[in-house]
């Protein structure tokens, strides 16, 4: 389960995501919808641990910011939106 509480993200000194909360339960389909530029990818980057954030992101009840990188990698997989052209 993923619990997101009061998630905010700042990029280049500007708040681009403000106070987002949701729960994605294991085995359930959860969708993040919105128009281009609304912060969907930014939210997912914060939830995956790729971007710094304020608030709380918990994966199976563990705060991701407190997990070692290797432990986080054991618990989740990330498929980027676009791959490299190598």
PDB file of N, CA and C in Angstrom:
ATOM      1  N   UNK A   1       0.840  -1.170   0.000  1.00  0.00           N
ATOM      2  CA  UNK A   1       0.000   0.000   0.000  1.00  0.00           C
ATOM      3  C   UNK A   1       0.889   1.239   0.000  1.00  0.00           C
ATOM      4  N   UNK A   2       0.441   2.255  -0.710  1.00  0.00           N
ATOM      5  CA  UNK A   2       1.143   3.538  -0.745  1.00  0.00           C
ATOM      6  C   UNK A   2       0.236   4.583  -0.112  1.00  0.00           C
ATOM      7  N   UNK A   3       0.741   5.249   0.910  1.00  0.00           N
ATOM      8  CA  UNK A   3       0.009   6.341   1.564  1.00  0.00           C
ATOM      9  C   UNK A   3       0.779   7.631   1.336  1.00  0.00           C
ATOM     10  N   UNK A   4       0.123   8.591   0.734  1.00  0.00           N
ATOM     11  CA  UNK A   4       0.716   9.908   0.482  1.00  0.00           C
ATOM     12  C   UNK A   4      -0.097  10.918   1.278  1.00  0.00           C
ATOM     13  N   UNK A   5       0.572  11.716   2.093  1.00  0.00           N
ATOM     14  CA  UNK A   5      -0.121  12.677   2.947  1.00  0.00           C
ATOM     15  C   UNK A   5       0.555  14.042   2.840  1.00  0.00           C
ATOM     16  N   UNK A   6      -0.207  15.022   2.409  1.00  0.00           N
ATOM     17  CA  UNK A   6       0.260  16.414   2.329  1.00  0.00           C
ATOM     18  C   UNK A   6       1.554  16.558   1.530  1.00  0.00           C
ATOM     19  N   UNK A   7       1.623  15.882   0.384  1.00  0.00           N
ATOM     20  CA  UNK A   7       2.809  15.922  -0.474  1.00  0.00           C
ATOM     21  C   UNK A   7       2.916  17.269  -1.171  1.00  0.00           C
ATOM     22  N   UNK A   8       4.074  17.890  -1.046  1.00  0.00           N
ATOM     23  CA  UNK A   8       4.389  19.118  -1.771  1.00  0.00           C
ATOM     24  C   UNK A   8       5.776  18.969  -2.369  1.00  0.00           C
ATOM     25  N   UNK A   9       5.963  19.498  -3.581  1.00  0.00           N
ATOM     26  CA  UNK A   9       7.254  19.430  -4.272  1.00  0.00           C
ATOM     27  C   UNK A   9       7.599  20.820  -4.773  1.00  0.00           C
ATOM     28  N   UNK A  10       8.849  21.214  -4.538  1.00  0.00           N
ATOM     29  CA  UNK A  10       9.361  22.486  -5.048  1.00  0.00           C
ATOM     30  C   UNK A  10      10.436  22.189  -6.078  1.00  0.00           C
ATOM     31  N   UNK A  11      10.365  22.857  -7.206  1.00  0.00           N
ATOM     32  CA  UNK A  11      11.383  22.757  -8.251  1.00  0.00           C
ATOM     33  C   UNK A  11      11.829  24.164  -8.605  1.00  0.00           C
ATOM     34  N   UNK A  12      13.120  24.389  -8.621  1.00  0.00           N
ATOM     35  CA  UNK A  12      13.696  25.705  -8.918  1.00  0.00           C
ATOM     36  C   UNK A  12      13.075  26.801  -8.053  1.00  0.00           C
ATOM     37  N   UNK A  13      12.835  26.478  -6.773  1.00  0.00           N
ATOM     38  CA  UNK A  13      12.306  27.464  -5.836  1.00  0.00           C
ATOM     39  C   UNK A  13      10.816  27.725  -5.930  1.00  0.00           C
ATOM     40  N   UNK A  14      10.119  27.010  -6.801  1.00  0.00           N
ATOM     41  CA  UNK A  14       8.679  27.218  -6.983  1.00  0.00           C
ATOM     42  C   UNK A  14       7.924  25.945  -6.597  1.00  0.00           C
ATOM     43  N   UNK A  15       6.854  26.094  -5.822  1.00  0.00           N
ATOM     44  CA  UNK A  15       6.028  24.948  -5.462  1.00  0.00           C
ATOM     45  C   UNK A  15       5.205  24.541  -6.677  1.00  0.00           C
ATOM     46  N   UNK A  16       5.434  23.297  -7.147  1.00  0.00           N
ATOM     47  CA  UNK A  16       4.740  22.816  -8.345  1.00  0.00           C
ATOM     48  C   UNK A  16       3.667  21.784  -8.006  1.00  0.00           C
ATOM     49  N   UNK A  17       3.760  21.180  -6.817  1.00  0.00           N
ATOM     50  CA  UNK A  17       2.725  20.281  -6.291  1.00  0.00           C
ATOM     51  C   UNK A  17       2.492  20.712  -4.861  1.00  0.00           C
ATOM     52  N   UNK A  18       1.228  20.897  -4.489  1.00  0.00           N
ATOM     53  CA  UNK A  18       0.925  21.414  -3.156  1.00  0.00           C
ATOM     54  C   UNK A  18      -0.153  20.580  -2.479  1.00  0.00           C
ATOM     55  N   UNK A  19       0.198  19.987  -1.337  1.00  0.00           N
ATOM     56  CA  UNK A  19      -0.748  19.371  -0.416  1.00  0.00           C
ATOM     57  C   UNK A  19      -1.594  18.259  -1.055  1.00  0.00           C
ATOM     58  N   UNK A  20      -0.959  17.307  -1.711  1.00  0.00           N
ATOM     59  CA  UNK A  20      -1.644  16.181  -2.337  1.00  0.00           C
ATOM     60  C   UNK A  20      -1.662  15.004  -1.368  1.00  0.00           C
ATOM     61  N   UNK A  21      -2.814  14.375  -1.210  1.00  0.00           N
ATOM     62  CA  UNK A  21      -2.947  13.189  -0.359  1.00  0.00           C
ATOM     63  C   UNK A  21      -3.770  12.133  -1.086  1.00  0.00           C
ATOM     64  N   UNK A  22      -3.337  10.873  -0.982  1.00  0.00           N
ATOM     65  CA  UNK A  22      -4.116   9.757  -1.503  1.00  0.00           C
ATOM     66  C   UNK A  22      -3.562   8.454  -0.946  1.00  0.00           C
ATOM     67  N   UNK A  23      -4.348   7.395  -1.068  1.00  0.00           N
ATOM     68  CA  UNK A  23      -3.929   6.053  -0.703  1.00  0.00           C
ATOM     69  C   UNK A  23      -4.133   5.152  -1.908  1.00  0.00           C
ATOM     70  N   UNK A  24      -3.112   4.386  -2.249  1.00  0.00           N
ATOM     71  CA  UNK A  24      -3.198   3.387  -3.315  1.00  0.00           C
ATOM     72  C   UNK A  24      -3.080   2.030  -2.633  1.00  0.00           C
ATOM     73  N   UNK A  25      -4.190   1.301  -2.588  1.00  0.00           N
ATOM     74  CA  UNK A  25      -4.213   0.019  -1.893  1.00  0.00           C
ATOM     75  C   UNK A  25      -3.693  -1.098  -2.785  1.00  0.00           C
ATOM     76  N   UNK A  26      -3.021  -2.056  -2.172  1.00  0.00           N
ATOM     77  CA  UNK A  26      -2.495  -3.211  -2.897  1.00  0.00           C
ATOM     78  C   UNK A  26      -3.634  -3.947  -3.583  1.00  0.00           C
ATOM     79  N   UNK A  27      -3.435  -4.291  -4.855  1.00  0.00           N
ATOM     80  CA  UNK A  27      -4.429  -5.037  -5.609  1.00  0.00           C
ATOM     81  C   UNK A  27      -5.530  -4.193  -6.213  1.00  0.00           C
ATOM     82  N   UNK A  28      -5.542  -2.909  -5.917  1.00  0.00           N
ATOM     83  CA  UNK A  28      -6.572  -2.004  -6.454  1.00  0.00           C
ATOM     84  C   UNK A  28      -5.945  -1.132  -7.538  1.00  0.00           C
ATOM     85  N   UNK A  29      -6.766  -0.700  -8.463  1.00  0.00           N
ATOM     86  CA  UNK A  29      -6.315   0.209  -9.518  1.00  0.00           C
ATOM     87  C   UNK A  29      -6.469   1.640  -9.016  1.00  0.00           C
ATOM     88  N   UNK A  30      -5.387   2.390  -9.066  1.00  0.00           N
ATOM     89  CA  UNK A  30      -5.403   3.791  -8.662  1.00  0.00           C
ATOM     90  C   UNK A  30      -4.887   4.615  -9.830  1.00  0.00           C
ATOM     91  N   UNK A  31      -5.594   5.677 -10.192  1.00  0.00           N
ATOM     92  CA  UNK A  31      -5.200   6.528 -11.315  1.00  0.00           C
ATOM     93  C   UNK A  31      -4.969   7.954 -10.835  1.00  0.00           C
ATOM     94  N   UNK A  32      -3.945   8.578 -11.376  1.00  0.00           N
ATOM     95  CA  UNK A  32      -3.693   9.996 -11.146  1.00  0.00           C
ATOM     96  C   UNK A  32      -3.967  10.678 -12.477  1.00  0.00           C
ATOM     97  N   UNK A  33      -4.998  11.489 -12.516  1.00  0.00           N
ATOM     98  CA  UNK A  33      -5.456  12.109 -13.767  1.00  0.00           C
ATOM     99  C   UNK A  33      -5.333  13.623 -13.692  1.00  0.00           C
ATOM    100  N   UNK A  34      -5.115  14.236 -14.837  1.00  0.00           N
ATOM    101  CA  UNK A  34      -5.075  15.691 -14.916  1.00  0.00           C
ATOM    102  C   UNK A  34      -4.525  16.117 -16.262  1.00  0.00           C
ATOM    103  N   UNK A  35      -4.672  17.379 -16.578  1.00  0.00           N
ATOM    104  CA  UNK A  35      -4.178  17.887 -17.861  1.00  0.00           C
ATOM    105  C   UNK A  35      -2.651  17.968 -17.876  1.00  0.00           C
ATOM    106  N   UNK A  36      -2.098  18.178 -19.070  1.00  0.00           N
ATOM    107  CA  UNK A  36      -0.650  18.363 -19.211  1.00  0.00           C
ATOM    108  C   UNK A  36      -0.176  19.463 -18.267  1.00  0.00           C
ATOM    109  N   UNK A  37       0.944  19.212 -17.611  1.00  0.00           N
ATOM    110  CA  UNK A  37       1.532  20.227 -16.740  1.00  0.00           C
ATOM    111  C   UNK A  37       0.905  20.334 -15.368  1.00  0.00           C
ATOM    112  N   UNK A  38       0.008  19.413 -15.009  1.00  0.00           N
ATOM    113  CA  UNK A  38      -0.674  19.517 -13.716  1.00  0.00           C
ATOM    114  C   UNK A  38       0.098  18.876 -12.564  1.00  0.00           C
ATOM    115  N   UNK A  39       1.192  18.151 -12.860  1.00  0.00           N
ATOM    116  CA  UNK A  39       2.031  17.603 -11.804  1.00  0.00           C
ATOM    117  C   UNK A  39       1.971  16.093 -11.640  1.00  0.00           C
ATOM    118  N   UNK A  40       1.340  15.379 -12.552  1.00  0.00           N
ATOM    119  CA  UNK A  40       1.215  13.919 -12.422  1.00  0.00           C
ATOM    120  C   UNK A  40       2.582  13.237 -12.360  1.00  0.00           C
ATOM    121  N   UNK A  41       3.453  13.551 -13.291  1.00  0.00           N
ATOM    122  CA  UNK A  41       4.780  12.939 -13.321  1.00  0.00           C
ATOM    123  C   UNK A  41       5.602  13.373 -12.117  1.00  0.00           C
ATOM    124  N   UNK A  42       5.490  14.614 -11.722  1.00  0.00           N
ATOM    125  CA  UNK A  42       6.204  15.111 -10.540  1.00  0.00           C
ATOM    126  C   UNK A  42       5.763  14.362  -9.296  1.00  0.00           C
ATOM    127  N   UNK A  43       4.473  14.123  -9.154  1.00  0.00           N
ATOM    128  CA  UNK A  43       3.958  13.349  -8.017  1.00  0.00           C
ATOM    129  C   UNK A  43       4.572  11.954  -8.023  1.00  0.00           C
ATOM    130  N   UNK A  44       4.560  11.299  -9.172  1.00  0.00           N
ATOM    131  CA  UNK A  44       5.092   9.943  -9.248  1.00  0.00           C
ATOM    132  C   UNK A  44       6.597   9.896  -8.982  1.00  0.00           C
ATOM    133  N   UNK A  45       7.330  10.913  -9.433  1.00  0.00           N
ATOM    134  CA  UNK A  45       8.770  10.965  -9.151  1.00  0.00           C
ATOM    135  C   UNK A  45       9.018  11.135  -7.656  1.00  0.00           C
ATOM    136  N   UNK A  46       8.203  11.918  -6.987  1.00  0.00           N
ATOM    137  CA  UNK A  46       8.340  12.078  -5.537  1.00  0.00           C
ATOM    138  C   UNK A  46       7.973  10.774  -4.821  1.00  0.00           C
ATOM    139  N   UNK A  47       6.891  10.145  -5.248  1.00  0.00           N
ATOM    140  CA  UNK A  47       6.442   8.898  -4.621  1.00  0.00           C
ATOM    141  C   UNK A  47       7.470   7.786  -4.808  1.00  0.00           C
ATOM    142  N   UNK A  48       8.178   7.781  -5.934  1.00  0.00           N
ATOM    143  CA  UNK A  48       9.181   6.741  -6.178  1.00  0.00           C
ATOM    144  C   UNK A  48      10.511   7.044  -5.492  1.00  0.00           C
ATOM    145  N   UNK A  49      10.654   8.243  -4.934  1.00  0.00           N
ATOM    146  CA  UNK A  49      11.882   8.615  -4.251  1.00  0.00           C
ATOM    147  C   UNK A  49      12.877   9.326  -5.140  1.00  0.00           C
ATOM    148  N   UNK A  50      12.492   9.639  -6.367  1.00  0.00           N
ATOM    149  CA  UNK A  50      13.394  10.302  -7.316  1.00  0.00           C
ATOM    150  C   UNK A  50      13.521  11.800  -7.056  1.00  0.00           C
ATOM    151  N   UNK A  51      12.477  12.418  -6.504  1.00  0.00           N
ATOM    152  CA  UNK A  51      12.487  13.854  -6.200  1.00  0.00           C
ATOM    153  C   UNK A  51      12.304  14.092  -4.707  1.00  0.00           C
ATOM    154  N   UNK A  52      12.929  15.153  -4.207  1.00  0.00           N
ATOM    155  CA  UNK A  52      12.727  15.567  -2.827  1.00  0.00           C
ATOM    156  C   UNK A  52      11.310  16.104  -2.668  1.00  0.00           C
ATOM    157  N   UNK A  53      10.743  15.922  -1.493  1.00  0.00           N
ATOM    158  CA  UNK A  53       9.365  16.346  -1.238  1.00  0.00           C
ATOM    159  C   UNK A  53       9.206  16.739   0.217  1.00  0.00           C
ATOM    160  N   UNK A  54       8.116  17.405   0.490  1.00  0.00           N
ATOM    161  CA  UNK A  54       7.697  17.670   1.863  1.00  0.00           C
ATOM    162  C   UNK A  54       6.406  16.902   2.060  1.00  0.00           C
ATOM    163  N   UNK A  55       6.148  16.477   3.274  1.00  0.00           N
ATOM    164  CA  UNK A  55       4.976  15.672   3.575  1.00  0.00           C
ATOM    165  C   UNK A  55       5.404  14.253   3.892  1.00  0.00           C
ATOM    166  N   UNK A  56       4.528  13.297   3.630  1.00  0.00           N
ATOM    167  CA  UNK A  56       4.803  11.911   3.958  1.00  0.00           C
ATOM    168  C   UNK A  56       4.456  11.010   2.780  1.00  0.00           C
ATOM    169  N   UNK A  57       5.378  10.113   2.447  1.00  0.00           N
ATOM    170  CA  UNK A  57       5.137   9.063   1.460  1.00  0.00           C
ATOM    171  C   UNK A  57       5.531   7.756   2.131  1.00  0.00           C
ATOM    172  N   UNK A  58       4.541   6.886   2.326  1.00  0.00           N
ATOM    173  CA  UNK A  58       4.789   5.607   2.993  1.00  0.00           C
ATOM    174  C   UNK A  58       4.508   4.463   2.033  1.00  0.00           C
ATOM    175  N   UNK A  59       5.438   3.535   1.966  1.00  0.00           N
ATOM    176  CA  UNK A  59       5.301   2.330   1.168  1.00  0.00           C
ATOM    177  C   UNK A  59       5.274   1.165   2.148  1.00  0.00           C
ATOM    178  N   UNK A  60       4.148   0.469   2.198  1.00  0.00           N
ATOM    179  CA  UNK A  60       3.961  -0.622   3.170  1.00  0.00           C
ATOM    180  C   UNK A  60       4.300  -0.155   4.588  1.00  0.00           C
ATOM    181  N   UNK A  61       3.809   1.010   4.940  1.00  0.00           N
ATOM    182  CA  UNK A  61       3.929   1.621   6.265  1.00  0.00           C
ATOM    183  C   UNK A  61       5.317   2.161   6.598  1.00  0.00           C
ATOM    184  N   UNK A  62       6.263   2.113   5.652  1.00  0.00           N
ATOM    185  CA  UNK A  62       7.610   2.649   5.887  1.00  0.00           C
ATOM    186  C   UNK A  62       7.763   3.959   5.124  1.00  0.00           C
ATOM    187  N   UNK A  63       8.209   4.991   5.810  1.00  0.00           N
ATOM    188  CA  UNK A  63       8.467   6.281   5.176  1.00  0.00           C
ATOM    189  C   UNK A  63       9.627   6.117   4.202  1.00  0.00           C
ATOM    190  N   UNK A  64       9.413   6.420   2.912  1.00  0.00           N
ATOM    191  CA  UNK A  64      10.454   6.144   1.911  1.00  0.00           C
ATOM    192  C   UNK A  64      11.708   6.979   2.140  1.00  0.00           C
ATOM    193  N   UNK A  65      11.566   8.148   2.720  1.00  0.00           N
ATOM    194  CA  UNK A  65      12.724   8.992   2.982  1.00  0.00           C
ATOM    195  C   UNK A  65      13.646   8.432   4.046  1.00  0.00           C
ATOM    196  N   UNK A  66      13.153   7.478   4.834  1.00  0.00           N
ATOM    197  CA  UNK A  66      13.958   6.862   5.885  1.00  0.00           C
ATOM    198  C   UNK A  66      14.562   5.531   5.466  1.00  0.00           C
ATOM    199  N   UNK A  67      14.254   5.071   4.255  1.00  0.00           N
ATOM    200  CA  UNK A  67      14.750   3.771   3.789  1.00  0.00           C
ATOM    201  C   UNK A  67      16.072   3.921   3.050  1.00  0.00           C
ATOM    202  N   UNK A  68      16.947   2.937   3.199  1.00  0.00           N
ATOM    203  CA  UNK A  68      18.164   2.880   2.385  1.00  0.00           C
ATOM    204  C   UNK A  68      17.750   2.661   0.933  1.00  0.00           C
ATOM    205  N   UNK A  69      18.548   3.156   0.022  1.00  0.00           N
ATOM    206  CA  UNK A  69      18.251   3.043  -1.408  1.00  0.00           C
ATOM    207  C   UNK A  69      18.036   1.586  -1.800  1.00  0.00           C
ATOM    208  N   UNK A  70      18.864   0.678  -1.295  1.00  0.00           N
ATOM    209  CA  UNK A  70      18.747  -0.743  -1.652  1.00  0.00           C
ATOM    210  C   UNK A  70      17.450  -1.336  -1.129  1.00  0.00           C
ATOM    211  N   UNK A  71      17.004  -0.896   0.050  1.00  0.00           N
ATOM    212  CA  UNK A  71      15.744  -1.414   0.618  1.00  0.00           C
ATOM    213  C   UNK A  71      14.564  -0.908  -0.204  1.00  0.00           C
ATOM    214  N   UNK A  72      14.598   0.348  -0.587  1.00  0.00           N
ATOM    215  CA  UNK A  72      13.540   0.906  -1.431  1.00  0.00           C
ATOM    216  C   UNK A  72      13.486   0.175  -2.773  1.00  0.00           C
ATOM    217  N   UNK A  73      14.654  -0.153  -3.329  1.00  0.00           N
ATOM    218  CA  UNK A  73      14.704  -0.875  -4.604  1.00  0.00           C
ATOM    219  C   UNK A  73      14.110  -2.275  -4.476  1.00  0.00           C
ATOM    220  N   UNK A  74      14.222  -2.898  -3.309  1.00  0.00           N
ATOM    221  CA  UNK A  74      13.612  -4.211  -3.080  1.00  0.00           C
ATOM    222  C   UNK A  74      12.092  -4.143  -3.054  1.00  0.00           C
ATOM    223  N   UNK A  75      11.558  -2.987  -2.677  1.00  0.00           N
ATOM    224  CA  UNK A  75      10.116  -2.852  -2.435  1.00  0.00           C
ATOM    225  C   UNK A  75       9.331  -2.320  -3.627  1.00  0.00           C
ATOM    226  N   UNK A  76      10.005  -1.696  -4.573  1.00  0.00           N
ATOM    227  CA  UNK A  76       9.277  -1.096  -5.682  1.00  0.00           C
ATOM    228  C   UNK A  76      10.097  -1.144  -6.962  1.00  0.00           C
ATOM    229  N   UNK A  77       9.391  -1.044  -8.072  1.00  0.00           N
ATOM    230  CA  UNK A  77      10.041  -0.953  -9.369  1.00  0.00           C
ATOM    231  C   UNK A  77       9.562   0.311 -10.058  1.00  0.00           C
ATOM    232  N   UNK A  78      10.411   0.919 -10.852  1.00  0.00           N
ATOM    233  CA  UNK A  78      10.053   2.157 -11.538  1.00  0.00           C
ATOM    234  C   UNK A  78      10.282   1.960 -13.028  1.00  0.00           C
ATOM    235  N   UNK A  79       9.260   2.203 -13.813  1.00  0.00           N
ATOM    236  CA  UNK A  79       9.360   2.159 -15.266  1.00  0.00           C
ATOM    237  C   UNK A  79       9.224   3.588 -15.764  1.00  0.00           C
ATOM    238  N   UNK A  80      10.328   4.188 -16.252  1.00  0.00           N
ATOM    239  CA  UNK A  80      10.264   5.590 -16.668  1.00  0.00           C
ATOM    240  C   UNK A  80       9.327   5.803 -17.860  1.00  0.00           C
ATOM    241  N   UNK A  81       8.846   7.021 -17.969  1.00  0.00           N
ATOM    242  CA  UNK A  81       7.936   7.407 -19.034  1.00  0.00           C
ATOM    243  C   UNK A  81       8.599   7.263 -20.402  1.00  0.00           C
ATOM    244  N   UNK A  82       9.880   7.607 -20.484  1.00  0.00           N
ATOM    245  CA  UNK A  82      10.636   7.511 -21.738  1.00  0.00           C
ATOM    246  C   UNK A  82      11.980   6.863 -21.455  1.00  0.00           C
ATOM    247  N   UNK A  83      12.420   5.981 -22.344  1.00  0.00           N
ATOM    248  CA  UNK A  83      13.703   5.313 -22.169  1.00  0.00           C
ATOM    249  C   UNK A  83      14.811   6.077 -22.850  1.00  0.00           C
ATOM    250  N   UNK A  84      16.042   5.690 -22.564  1.00  0.00           N
ATOM    251  CA  UNK A  84      17.177   6.332 -23.218  1.00  0.00           C
ATOM    252  C   UNK A  84      17.293   5.813 -24.643  1.00  0.00           C
ATOM    253  N   UNK A  85      17.975   6.566 -25.481  1.00  0.00           N
ATOM    254  CA  UNK A  85      18.112   6.204 -26.896  1.00  0.00           C
ATOM    255  C   UNK A  85      19.448   5.555 -27.177  1.00  0.00           C
ATOM    256  N   UNK A  86      20.078   4.997 -26.132  1.00  0.00           N
ATOM    257  CA  UNK A  86      21.385   4.333 -26.300  1.00  0.00           C
ATOM    258  C   UNK A  86      21.233   3.019 -27.027  1.00  0.00           C
TER     259      UNK A  86
END
